[in-house]
Protein backbone atom coordinates (compact mmCIF):
# COMPACT_ATOMS: atom_id res chain seq x y z
CA MET A 1 139.43 -105.37 77.47
CA GLN A 2 135.91 -107.09 76.64
CA GLU A 3 134.49 -110.27 76.80
CA LEU A 4 134.48 -112.34 73.92
CA ALA A 5 130.39 -113.62 72.92
CA ILE A 6 130.50 -116.30 70.10
CA ILE A 7 127.61 -116.52 68.32
CA GLU A 8 126.83 -119.26 65.69
CA ALA A 9 125.51 -118.56 62.35
CA PRO A 10 125.37 -121.70 60.61
CA SER A 11 123.47 -120.15 56.98
CA VAL A 12 124.85 -121.46 53.57
CA LEU A 13 121.95 -119.78 51.73
CA GLY A 14 124.18 -118.07 49.75
CA LEU A 15 126.14 -120.99 48.65
CA ARG A 16 124.81 -124.43 49.28
CA PRO A 17 125.05 -127.42 52.20
CA SER A 18 128.25 -128.18 51.05
CA GLY A 19 129.93 -128.36 55.18
CA VAL A 20 130.44 -124.72 54.94
CA GLN A 21 127.50 -124.92 58.10
CA ASP A 22 129.38 -126.82 60.09
CA LEU A 23 131.89 -124.43 60.83
CA PRO A 24 130.74 -123.27 64.36
CA ALA A 25 130.49 -127.25 65.52
CA ALA A 26 134.37 -127.90 63.97
CA LEU A 27 135.68 -124.45 65.60
CA LEU A 28 133.69 -125.20 68.99
CA LYS A 29 135.14 -128.19 69.09
CA ALA A 30 138.07 -127.53 68.54
CA GLY A 31 138.21 -125.53 71.50
CA LEU A 32 137.35 -121.95 70.42
CA PRO A 33 135.99 -120.76 73.79
CA SER A 34 138.34 -121.97 76.11
CA ALA A 35 141.01 -120.48 73.38
CA LEU A 36 139.65 -116.80 73.53
CA GLY A 37 138.28 -117.11 76.94
CA GLY A 38 134.75 -115.84 75.22
CA VAL A 39 131.29 -117.36 75.96
CA ARG A 40 128.86 -118.49 74.05
CA ALA A 41 125.54 -115.68 72.75
CA GLY A 42 123.28 -118.05 70.50
CA ARG A 43 122.80 -120.00 67.77
CA VAL A 44 120.89 -118.52 64.93
CA GLU A 45 119.42 -121.54 62.64
CA PRO A 46 118.78 -120.67 59.16
CA PRO A 47 115.82 -121.28 57.13
CA ALA A 48 115.38 -124.31 54.98
CA TYR A 49 118.00 -124.39 51.50
CA ASP A 50 116.25 -123.79 48.24
CA PRO A 51 118.34 -125.27 45.47
CA ALA A 52 116.03 -123.14 43.02
CA ARG A 53 117.34 -119.74 41.87
CA ASP A 54 114.89 -116.63 42.64
CA THR A 55 112.91 -115.42 39.80
CA GLY A 56 112.51 -112.01 40.77
CA THR A 57 116.50 -111.59 41.89
CA GLY A 58 118.24 -114.16 40.05
CA VAL A 59 119.47 -115.20 43.54
CA LEU A 60 119.51 -118.05 45.64
CA ASN A 61 117.30 -117.71 48.66
CA ALA A 62 116.85 -114.32 48.30
CA PRO A 63 113.40 -113.59 50.82
CA ALA A 64 114.97 -116.40 53.16
CA LEU A 65 118.12 -114.20 52.88
CA ALA A 66 116.95 -111.10 53.80
CA ARG A 67 114.69 -112.65 57.01
CA TYR A 68 117.87 -114.70 58.36
CA SER A 69 119.69 -111.18 58.07
CA SER A 70 117.09 -109.71 60.23
CA ARG A 71 117.14 -112.42 63.15
CA LEU A 72 120.74 -112.39 62.91
CA ALA A 73 120.96 -109.14 63.62
CA ASP A 74 118.90 -109.02 66.53
CA THR A 75 121.41 -111.35 67.84
CA VAL A 76 124.26 -109.46 67.22
CA GLY A 77 122.59 -106.55 68.31
CA ALA A 78 122.11 -108.10 71.58
CA VAL A 79 125.80 -108.61 72.30
CA LEU A 80 126.41 -105.28 71.39
CA ASP A 81 123.85 -103.60 73.89
CA THR A 82 125.86 -105.45 76.46
CA GLY A 83 129.20 -104.17 75.58
CA ARG A 84 130.76 -107.78 74.27
CA PHE A 85 132.42 -108.19 71.31
CA PRO A 86 130.40 -110.19 69.43
CA VAL A 87 132.51 -113.18 67.09
CA VAL A 88 130.26 -114.67 64.32
CA LEU A 89 130.94 -117.79 63.21
CA GLY A 90 129.42 -118.49 59.85
CA GLY A 91 128.09 -120.38 57.41
CA ASP A 92 128.85 -118.45 54.02
CA CYS A 93 129.79 -114.77 53.56
CA THR A 94 126.21 -113.48 53.09
CA ILE A 95 126.12 -113.40 56.86
CA LEU A 96 128.07 -110.48 56.96
CA LEU A 97 124.77 -108.55 55.71
CA GLY A 98 122.81 -109.88 59.16
CA ASN A 99 125.95 -108.39 60.95
CA LEU A 100 126.41 -105.16 59.28
CA LEU A 101 122.20 -104.26 59.65
CA ALA A 102 122.87 -104.62 63.16
CA LEU A 103 125.21 -101.95 63.41
CA ARG A 104 123.31 -100.28 60.96
CA ARG A 105 120.06 -100.14 63.19
CA ARG A 106 122.62 -97.55 65.20
CA THR A 107 125.06 -95.82 63.29
CA ARG A 108 127.17 -95.77 60.17
CA HIS A 109 129.75 -98.35 60.33
CA GLY A 110 132.94 -99.52 58.03
CA LEU A 111 134.35 -102.65 57.10
CA LEU A 112 137.33 -104.18 57.05
CA PHE A 113 136.95 -107.20 54.15
CA LEU A 114 139.49 -109.64 54.19
CA ASP A 115 138.71 -112.01 51.13
CA GLY A 116 140.73 -113.83 48.56
CA HIS A 117 137.54 -113.16 46.83
CA THR A 118 136.44 -109.58 46.31
CA ASP A 119 132.67 -110.76 46.06
CA PHE A 120 130.96 -108.05 43.79
CA TYR A 121 129.35 -110.18 41.46
CA GLN A 122 125.79 -108.72 39.83
CA PRO A 123 122.92 -111.50 39.11
CA SER A 124 123.63 -111.84 35.82
CA ALA A 125 126.96 -112.73 36.32
CA GLU A 126 127.14 -115.04 38.68
CA PRO A 127 126.30 -118.27 37.24
CA ASN A 128 124.75 -119.83 40.15
CA GLY A 129 122.88 -117.10 41.50
CA GLU A 130 124.67 -117.28 45.25
CA ALA A 131 125.10 -114.28 47.03
CA ALA A 132 127.99 -115.16 48.68
CA SER A 133 129.73 -113.94 45.78
CA MET A 134 127.82 -110.65 46.20
CA GLU A 135 127.45 -109.47 49.36
CA LEU A 136 130.04 -107.18 49.09
CA ALA A 137 127.91 -105.64 46.17
CA LEU A 138 124.65 -106.13 47.91
CA ALA A 139 126.12 -104.20 51.49
CA THR A 140 127.02 -101.36 49.35
CA GLY A 141 123.69 -101.04 47.89
CA ARG A 142 124.22 -102.61 44.08
CA GLY A 143 121.78 -105.47 43.63
CA PRO A 144 118.31 -106.34 44.15
CA ARG A 145 116.22 -104.20 46.50
CA LEU A 146 115.15 -107.10 48.66
CA LEU A 147 118.71 -107.79 50.01
CA THR A 148 120.74 -103.68 49.32
CA ASP A 149 117.76 -102.47 51.30
CA LEU A 150 117.36 -104.31 53.99
CA GLU A 151 114.63 -103.08 56.37
CA GLY A 152 114.54 -100.14 54.55
CA ARG A 153 117.55 -98.88 55.32
CA GLY A 154 119.50 -98.25 52.30
CA PRO A 155 122.78 -99.52 52.06
CA LEU A 156 124.48 -100.99 54.61
CA LEU A 157 127.87 -99.51 53.84
CA ARG A 158 129.48 -96.31 51.99
CA ASP A 159 131.48 -96.82 49.45
CA GLU A 160 134.25 -94.81 51.23
CA ASP A 161 133.68 -96.67 54.53
CA VAL A 162 135.16 -100.15 53.05
CA VAL A 163 138.52 -101.42 52.97
CA ALA A 164 139.16 -104.71 50.45
CA PHE A 165 141.51 -106.19 52.37
CA GLY A 166 144.20 -109.32 50.59
CA PHE A 167 142.10 -110.26 47.65
CA ARG A 168 143.51 -112.03 44.36
CA ASP A 169 140.75 -112.77 41.93
CA ALA A 170 140.90 -109.54 39.65
CA GLU A 171 141.85 -111.56 36.51
CA GLU A 172 139.09 -114.49 37.60
CA SER A 173 136.30 -112.05 38.20
CA ALA A 174 137.30 -109.92 35.07
CA ARG A 175 136.56 -112.62 32.57
CA ALA A 176 133.51 -113.85 34.48
CA GLY A 177 132.02 -109.98 34.01
CA MET A 178 132.09 -109.02 37.75
CA GLN A 179 131.34 -105.64 37.94
CA PRO A 180 134.22 -103.06 39.01
CA LEU A 181 134.75 -102.08 42.20
CA PRO A 182 133.80 -98.14 42.64
CA PRO A 183 136.31 -95.64 42.99
CA ARG A 184 135.62 -94.67 46.23
CA LEU A 185 135.76 -98.57 47.71
CA HIS A 186 140.07 -98.68 48.93
CA ALA A 187 141.35 -101.85 47.53
CA ILE A 188 145.09 -103.63 49.07
CA ASP A 189 145.07 -106.59 47.00
CA LEU A 190 147.30 -109.32 47.92
CA ASP A 191 150.30 -108.00 45.63
CA GLY A 192 149.59 -104.35 47.74
CA VAL A 193 150.18 -106.49 50.91
CA ARG A 194 152.96 -107.74 50.06
CA ALA A 195 154.19 -104.68 48.23
CA VAL A 196 154.95 -103.26 52.09
CA GLY A 197 153.97 -106.33 54.47
CA ALA A 198 151.14 -107.25 55.98
CA ALA A 199 151.24 -105.21 59.63
CA THR A 200 151.92 -102.25 57.19
CA ALA A 201 149.19 -102.94 55.16
CA ALA A 202 146.73 -103.59 58.30
CA ARG A 203 148.13 -99.97 59.63
CA GLN A 204 146.62 -98.72 56.46
CA ALA A 205 143.67 -100.33 56.28
CA VAL A 206 142.45 -99.36 59.56
CA ASP A 207 143.69 -95.72 59.55
CA ARG A 208 141.84 -95.31 56.73
CA LEU A 209 138.84 -96.56 58.89
CA ALA A 210 139.29 -94.61 61.65
CA ALA A 211 140.05 -91.49 59.47
CA GLY A 212 136.32 -91.46 58.43
CA THR A 213 133.04 -90.38 60.31
CA ALA A 214 131.90 -93.55 60.87
CA ALA A 215 132.03 -94.82 64.10
CA GLY A 216 133.86 -98.07 64.00
CA PHE A 217 134.19 -100.56 61.89
CA TRP A 218 133.11 -104.90 61.67
CA VAL A 219 136.17 -106.95 60.31
CA HIS A 220 134.75 -110.29 57.84
CA LEU A 221 137.37 -112.97 57.37
CA ASP A 222 136.89 -115.45 54.73
CA VAL A 223 139.04 -117.87 55.73
CA ASP A 224 140.49 -118.49 51.81
CA VAL A 225 142.14 -115.27 51.89
CA LEU A 226 144.73 -117.13 53.52
CA ASP A 227 147.18 -119.03 51.29
CA ASP A 228 145.35 -122.25 49.40
CA ALA A 229 148.73 -124.43 50.39
CA ILE A 230 147.76 -123.91 53.83
CA MET A 231 143.94 -123.87 54.09
CA PRO A 232 142.43 -126.08 51.18
CA ALA A 233 139.45 -126.48 53.04
CA VAL A 234 137.32 -124.03 51.37
CA ASP A 235 135.02 -124.19 47.63
CA TYR A 236 136.32 -121.99 45.37
CA ARG A 237 140.03 -122.43 45.37
CA LEU A 238 142.86 -120.07 44.11
CA PRO A 239 146.35 -120.09 44.69
CA GLY A 240 148.09 -118.29 46.51
CA GLY A 241 147.12 -116.22 49.34
CA LEU A 242 148.72 -114.77 52.88
CA THR A 243 150.34 -117.07 55.26
CA TRP A 244 149.10 -117.96 58.81
CA GLU A 245 151.60 -115.30 60.39
CA GLU A 246 150.35 -112.49 57.87
CA LEU A 247 146.68 -112.97 58.74
CA GLU A 248 147.23 -113.14 62.60
CA SER A 249 149.54 -109.75 62.45
CA VAL A 250 146.63 -108.17 60.42
CA LEU A 251 144.12 -109.41 62.84
CA ARG A 252 146.02 -107.80 65.36
CA THR A 253 146.49 -104.33 63.98
CA ALA A 254 142.63 -104.09 62.88
CA LEU A 255 141.09 -105.74 66.24
CA ALA A 256 143.33 -103.89 68.47
CA ASP A 257 142.23 -101.03 67.34
CA ALA A 258 138.95 -99.41 69.83
CA ARG A 259 137.21 -98.94 66.58
CA ALA A 260 137.26 -102.59 65.71
CA VAL A 261 133.21 -103.59 66.99
CA GLY A 262 133.15 -107.02 65.74
CA LEU A 263 134.50 -110.46 63.73
CA ASP A 264 132.68 -112.65 61.69
CA VAL A 265 134.37 -116.30 60.44
CA THR A 266 132.88 -117.65 57.29
CA ILE A 267 133.26 -120.42 54.83
CA PHE A 268 135.80 -123.12 56.17
CA ASN A 269 134.33 -126.37 54.76
CA PRO A 270 135.03 -129.25 58.01
CA ARG A 271 134.48 -131.65 55.89
CA LEU A 272 137.61 -130.78 53.57
CA ASP A 273 139.27 -131.06 56.99
CA PRO A 274 138.75 -135.00 58.22
CA ASP A 275 141.64 -135.09 60.79
CA GLY A 276 140.56 -131.44 62.43
CA ALA A 277 144.24 -130.04 61.75
CA ILE A 278 143.50 -127.39 60.09
CA ALA A 279 140.44 -126.66 62.55
CA ALA A 280 142.86 -126.46 65.23
CA ARG A 281 144.82 -123.92 63.34
CA LEU A 282 142.22 -121.68 62.87
CA VAL A 283 141.27 -122.01 66.29
CA GLU A 284 145.22 -120.90 67.29
CA CYS A 285 144.89 -117.70 64.47
CA LEU A 286 142.07 -116.34 65.80
CA ARG A 287 143.43 -116.62 69.57
CA ARG A 288 146.31 -114.44 68.83
CA GLY A 289 144.68 -112.36 66.55
CA LEU A 290 141.91 -111.46 69.25
CA SER A 291 144.49 -111.57 71.82
CA ALA A 292 144.52 -107.78 72.31
CA ARG A 293 141.09 -107.54 72.80
CA THR A 294 140.81 -110.05 75.98
CA ALA A 295 141.59 -109.61 79.02
CA PRO A 296 144.95 -112.00 80.24
CA ARG A 297 143.96 -115.62 81.84
CA ARG A 298 143.56 -115.75 85.62
CA THR A 299 145.99 -118.19 86.99
């Protein structure tokens, strides 16, 4: 059992200040620390948002994003150094870069990427220059060097150390001209999950990550992997997705594995959840998903 350490990372440098920056405050208000039995381990404030697309990279806030990733990596690394399990609350999906940088400073790691989108765009195909549509490509070394060679460490991930899980944007991304996923990156789309069942698909994903030579793996959760009917509080909506029960099963399977080293939660927009009901359900989902990592509560 590990103590869970909650880190707030309210960055929208890769998106826009639409409300996603309020994710940490909403989940904390909904009782996440007590639900997880976790401690709060800091808040990493992002630089000011600039709506102008960076001319050198074609990406919004690219220099600021690189700086922020290093600062977030410092905080995540400090939690890892104490033997605790970081739970990082975004923000948009680009917080993944800082989390992975913390691991890359140590050794080779993998990634279980739970997202309704594959986020593998190149700047030329992303109409708004939003790095939150590119973070998986950036993490595997595809894109402007400023964001693919953080601290001169090269790609944060090898293709073969990634499992993209539960996505359902293949037709949309193909129409937009997104570069294809590389053949060595393992992909289990929503249809693939449903074909074998969420628990079995998650076990297959974890087994694949564990079969490599990476020291462990991070779990990235973009809440738009959930069915749009139950998770409408996101900025880019797509029909379909996982049920709450399916996501809980996936998280329990992945996070029960000793090689899981951390989790981030991104993209939930509390402004689209005016009564807080979705935030409360998300907290319960995280509690159930992380139950295998936490010690039983004292009575």
